[in-house]
Amino acid sequence: MSLLQSINPPHIRPPFARYAHGMTVEAGARLLFCSGQLGIAADERIPADAAGQAQLCFANIHAVLTAAGMTVADIVRLNAYVTAREHLPAYMQARDRFIGTDTPPASTLMIVSGFARPEFLVEVEAIAAARGAA
């Protein structure tokens, strides 16, 4: 059995997009809680659009996963926030390209009124789980 298992009960509505209703993690797994990542590059560059910011959010999450000795396949949950409904498709496309697995994680996507700086449109946080030490 896999360390991670998706849970999608057949008697409730299937997920609206590429996510699982729930995920289980085998006991003894090493957990990573990734802070919310904004669409800002190391050189302080911030794309003007949600698509570019979402791609940077996921690139930053990838860097955190890599530093922890984990991969995208270890993600159990994503929480994402966008500042307007029109940003949903761009975020979802970036998420689907990033996840790219047969077993998508549990996920929540919310529309919020804003972030600490007005130029930010997207923020994404992740939880991952893997076997053994880093």
C-alpha atoms as a PDB file:
ATOM      1  CA  MET A   1       0.000   0.000   0.000  1.00  0.00           C
ATOM      2  CA  SER A   2       1.159   3.507  -0.801  1.00  0.00           C
ATOM      3  CA  LEU A   3       2.212   5.925   1.940  1.00  0.00           C
ATOM      4  CA  LEU A   4      -0.482   8.314   0.648  1.00  0.00           C
ATOM      5  CA  GLN A   5      -3.974   7.304  -0.372  1.00  0.00           C
ATOM      6  CA  SER A   6      -6.730   9.470  -1.793  1.00  0.00           C
ATOM      7  CA  ILE A   7     -10.255   9.183  -0.412  1.00  0.00           C
ATOM      8  CA  ASN A   8     -13.178   9.950  -2.725  1.00  0.00           C
ATOM      9  CA  PRO A   9     -16.329   8.318  -1.299  1.00  0.00           C
ATOM     10  CA  PRO A  10     -18.644   7.143  -4.105  1.00  0.00           C
ATOM     11  CA  HIS A  11     -21.798   8.444  -2.387  1.00  0.00           C
ATOM     12  CA  ILE A  12     -20.779  12.136  -2.425  1.00  0.00           C
ATOM     13  CA  ARG A  13     -20.326  14.421  -5.413  1.00  0.00           C
ATOM     14  CA  PRO A  14     -16.977  13.867  -7.169  1.00  0.00           C
ATOM     15  CA  PRO A  15     -14.408  16.669  -6.839  1.00  0.00           C
ATOM     16  CA  PHE A  16     -14.996  19.734  -9.042  1.00  0.00           C
ATOM     17  CA  ALA A  17     -11.412  19.623 -10.391  1.00  0.00           C
ATOM     18  CA  ARG A  18      -8.130  17.696  -9.954  1.00  0.00           C
ATOM     19  CA  TYR A  19      -8.107  17.170  -6.196  1.00  0.00           C
ATOM     20  CA  ALA A  20      -9.141  14.478  -3.724  1.00  0.00           C
ATOM     21  CA  HIS A  21     -11.840  14.892  -1.092  1.00  0.00           C
ATOM     22  CA  GLY A  22      -9.395  13.466   1.445  1.00  0.00           C
ATOM     23  CA  MET A  23      -5.938  11.965   1.813  1.00  0.00           C
ATOM     24  CA  THR A  24      -4.598   9.485   4.324  1.00  0.00           C
ATOM     25  CA  VAL A  25      -0.952   9.407   5.409  1.00  0.00           C
ATOM     26  CA  GLU A  26       0.621   6.240   6.780  1.00  0.00           C
ATOM     27  CA  ALA A  27       1.706   6.427  10.433  1.00  0.00           C
ATOM     28  CA  GLY A  28       5.338   7.406  10.956  1.00  0.00           C
ATOM     29  CA  ALA A  29       5.576   9.583   7.848  1.00  0.00           C
ATOM     30  CA  ARG A  30       7.813  12.650   7.863  1.00  0.00           C
ATOM     31  CA  LEU A  31       5.649  15.762   7.350  1.00  0.00           C
ATOM     32  CA  LEU A  32       6.484  19.076   5.683  1.00  0.00           C
ATOM     33  CA  PHE A  33       4.316  22.148   6.223  1.00  0.00           C
ATOM     34  CA  CYS A  34       5.125  24.714   3.543  1.00  0.00           C
ATOM     35  CA  SER A  35       4.238  28.323   4.326  1.00  0.00           C
ATOM     36  CA  GLY A  36       2.124  30.210   1.839  1.00  0.00           C
ATOM     37  CA  GLN A  37       4.216  31.041  -1.211  1.00  0.00           C
ATOM     38  CA  LEU A  38       3.556  34.216  -3.166  1.00  0.00           C
ATOM     39  CA  GLY A  39       4.266  34.879  -6.839  1.00  0.00           C
ATOM     40  CA  ILE A  40       7.564  36.615  -6.259  1.00  0.00           C
ATOM     41  CA  ALA A  41      10.959  35.569  -7.599  1.00  0.00           C
ATOM     42  CA  ALA A  42      14.262  35.675  -5.698  1.00  0.00           C
ATOM     43  CA  ASP A  43      15.138  38.865  -7.615  1.00  0.00           C
ATOM     44  CA  GLU A  44      11.902  40.495  -6.326  1.00  0.00           C
ATOM     45  CA  ARG A  45      10.207  40.204  -9.748  1.00  0.00           C
ATOM     46  CA  ILE A  46       6.404  39.876  -9.483  1.00  0.00           C
ATOM     47  CA  PRO A  47       4.481  38.938 -12.646  1.00  0.00           C
ATOM     48  CA  ALA A  48       1.517  41.208 -13.318  1.00  0.00           C
ATOM     49  CA  ASP A  49      -0.853  38.309 -14.051  1.00  0.00           C
ATOM     50  CA  ALA A  50      -2.270  35.438 -11.985  1.00  0.00           C
ATOM     51  CA  ALA A  51      -0.849  32.785 -14.329  1.00  0.00           C
ATOM     52  CA  GLY A  52       2.729  34.014 -13.868  1.00  0.00           C
ATOM     53  CA  GLN A  53       2.292  34.414 -10.127  1.00  0.00           C
ATOM     54  CA  ALA A  54       0.776  30.928  -9.755  1.00  0.00           C
ATOM     55  CA  GLN A  55       3.709  29.419 -11.675  1.00  0.00           C
ATOM     56  CA  LEU A  56       6.132  31.162  -9.300  1.00  0.00           C
ATOM     57  CA  CYS A  57       4.149  29.990  -6.262  1.00  0.00           C
ATOM     58  CA  PHE A  58       4.527  26.403  -7.458  1.00  0.00           C
ATOM     59  CA  ALA A  59       8.198  26.884  -8.362  1.00  0.00           C
ATOM     60  CA  ASN A  60       8.800  28.127  -4.813  1.00  0.00           C
ATOM     61  CA  ILE A  61       6.918  25.138  -3.355  1.00  0.00           C
ATOM     62  CA  HIS A  62       9.011  22.847  -5.553  1.00  0.00           C
ATOM     63  CA  ALA A  63      12.179  24.432  -4.127  1.00  0.00           C
ATOM     64  CA  VAL A  64      10.959  23.867  -0.546  1.00  0.00           C
ATOM     65  CA  LEU A  65      10.048  20.246  -1.341  1.00  0.00           C
ATOM     66  CA  THR A  66      13.444  19.644  -2.931  1.00  0.00           C
ATOM     67  CA  ALA A  67      15.253  21.151   0.063  1.00  0.00           C
ATOM     68  CA  ALA A  68      13.314  18.727   2.278  1.00  0.00           C
ATOM     69  CA  GLY A  69      14.198  15.736   0.071  1.00  0.00           C
ATOM     70  CA  MET A  70      10.630  15.442  -1.209  1.00  0.00           C
ATOM     71  CA  THR A  71       8.853  15.640  -4.562  1.00  0.00           C
ATOM     72  CA  VAL A  72       5.539  16.915  -5.874  1.00  0.00           C
ATOM     73  CA  ALA A  73       4.186  13.357  -5.532  1.00  0.00           C
ATOM     74  CA  ASP A  74       4.536  13.728  -1.735  1.00  0.00           C
ATOM     75  CA  ILE A  75       2.025  16.593  -1.520  1.00  0.00           C
ATOM     76  CA  VAL A  76      -0.998  15.692   0.595  1.00  0.00           C
ATOM     77  CA  ARG A  77      -2.815  19.033   0.614  1.00  0.00           C
ATOM     78  CA  LEU A  78      -2.814  22.393  -1.142  1.00  0.00           C
ATOM     79  CA  ASN A  79      -4.495  25.538   0.149  1.00  0.00           C
ATOM     80  CA  ALA A  80      -4.700  28.321  -2.401  1.00  0.00           C
ATOM     81  CA  TYR A  81      -5.940  31.882  -2.331  1.00  0.00           C
ATOM     82  CA  VAL A  82      -6.677  34.219  -5.246  1.00  0.00           C
ATOM     83  CA  THR A  83      -7.920  37.799  -5.144  1.00  0.00           C
ATOM     84  CA  ALA A  84     -10.643  37.481  -7.804  1.00  0.00           C
ATOM     85  CA  ARG A  85     -12.842  34.856  -9.445  1.00  0.00           C
ATOM     86  CA  GLU A  86     -11.284  35.588 -12.847  1.00  0.00           C
ATOM     87  CA  HIS A  87      -7.944  34.256 -11.521  1.00  0.00           C
ATOM     88  CA  LEU A  88      -9.382  30.765 -10.897  1.00  0.00           C
ATOM     89  CA  PRO A  89      -8.693  29.309 -14.388  1.00  0.00           C
ATOM     90  CA  ALA A  90      -5.070  30.534 -14.462  1.00  0.00           C
ATOM     91  CA  TYR A  91      -4.435  29.153 -10.980  1.00  0.00           C
ATOM     92  CA  MET A  92      -6.081  25.807 -11.787  1.00  0.00           C
ATOM     93  CA  GLN A  93      -4.065  25.404 -15.004  1.00  0.00           C
ATOM     94  CA  ALA A  94      -0.811  26.103 -13.138  1.00  0.00           C
ATOM     95  CA  ARG A  95      -1.831  23.697 -10.347  1.00  0.00           C
ATOM     96  CA  ASP A  96      -2.700  20.910 -12.773  1.00  0.00           C
ATOM     97  CA  ARG A  97       0.626  21.314 -14.631  1.00  0.00           C
ATOM     98  CA  PHE A  98       2.506  21.290 -11.315  1.00  0.00           C
ATOM     99  CA  ILE A  99       0.723  18.322  -9.726  1.00  0.00           C
ATOM    100  CA  GLY A 100       0.687  16.198 -12.875  1.00  0.00           C
ATOM    101  CA  THR A 101       0.163  12.973 -10.878  1.00  0.00           C
ATOM    102  CA  ASP A 102      -2.432  10.243 -11.041  1.00  0.00           C
ATOM    103  CA  THR A 103      -3.373  10.986  -7.432  1.00  0.00           C
ATOM    104  CA  PRO A 104      -4.015  14.683  -6.882  1.00  0.00           C
ATOM    105  CA  PRO A 105      -3.909  15.959  -3.282  1.00  0.00           C
ATOM    106  CA  ALA A 106      -6.719  17.307  -1.163  1.00  0.00           C
ATOM    107  CA  SER A 107      -7.189  20.963  -1.997  1.00  0.00           C
ATOM    108  CA  THR A 108      -8.999  24.154  -1.039  1.00  0.00           C
ATOM    109  CA  LEU A 109      -9.220  27.251  -3.242  1.00  0.00           C
ATOM    110  CA  MET A 110     -10.556  30.505  -1.790  1.00  0.00           C
ATOM    111  CA  ILE A 111     -11.176  33.999  -3.078  1.00  0.00           C
ATOM    112  CA  VAL A 112      -9.787  36.576  -0.651  1.00  0.00           C
ATOM    113  CA  SER A 113      -9.909  40.360  -0.538  1.00  0.00           C
ATOM    114  CA  GLY A 114      -6.141  40.751  -0.799  1.00  0.00           C
ATOM    115  CA  PHE A 115      -2.662  40.121   0.542  1.00  0.00           C
ATOM    116  CA  ALA A 116      -0.074  42.219   2.381  1.00  0.00           C
ATOM    117  CA  ARG A 117       0.918  43.946  -0.873  1.00  0.00           C
ATOM    118  CA  PRO A 118      -1.685  44.871  -3.508  1.00  0.00           C
ATOM    119  CA  GLU A 119       0.326  43.481  -6.446  1.00  0.00           C
ATOM    120  CA  PHE A 120      -0.028  39.902  -5.166  1.00  0.00           C
ATOM    121  CA  LEU A 121      -2.875  37.937  -6.767  1.00  0.00           C
ATOM    122  CA  VAL A 122      -2.151  34.324  -5.718  1.00  0.00           C
ATOM    123  CA  GLU A 123      -0.782  32.510  -2.655  1.00  0.00           C
ATOM    124  CA  VAL A 124      -0.370  28.748  -2.250  1.00  0.00           C
ATOM    125  CA  GLU A 125       0.606  26.641   0.755  1.00  0.00           C
ATOM    126  CA  ALA A 126       1.291  22.897   0.828  1.00  0.00           C
ATOM    127  CA  ILE A 127       1.538  19.939   3.181  1.00  0.00           C
ATOM    128  CA  ALA A 128       3.636  16.957   2.105  1.00  0.00           C
ATOM    129  CA  ALA A 129       4.463  13.568   3.625  1.00  0.00           C
ATOM    130  CA  ALA A 130       7.267  11.100   2.855  1.00  0.00           C
ATOM    131  CA  ARG A 131       8.896   8.023   4.319  1.00  0.00           C
ATOM    132  CA  GLY A 132      12.026   8.148   6.451  1.00  0.00           C
ATOM    133  CA  ALA A 133      14.543  10.880   7.221  1.00  0.00           C
ATOM    134  CA  ALA A 134      15.497  13.664   4.830  1.00  0.00           C
END
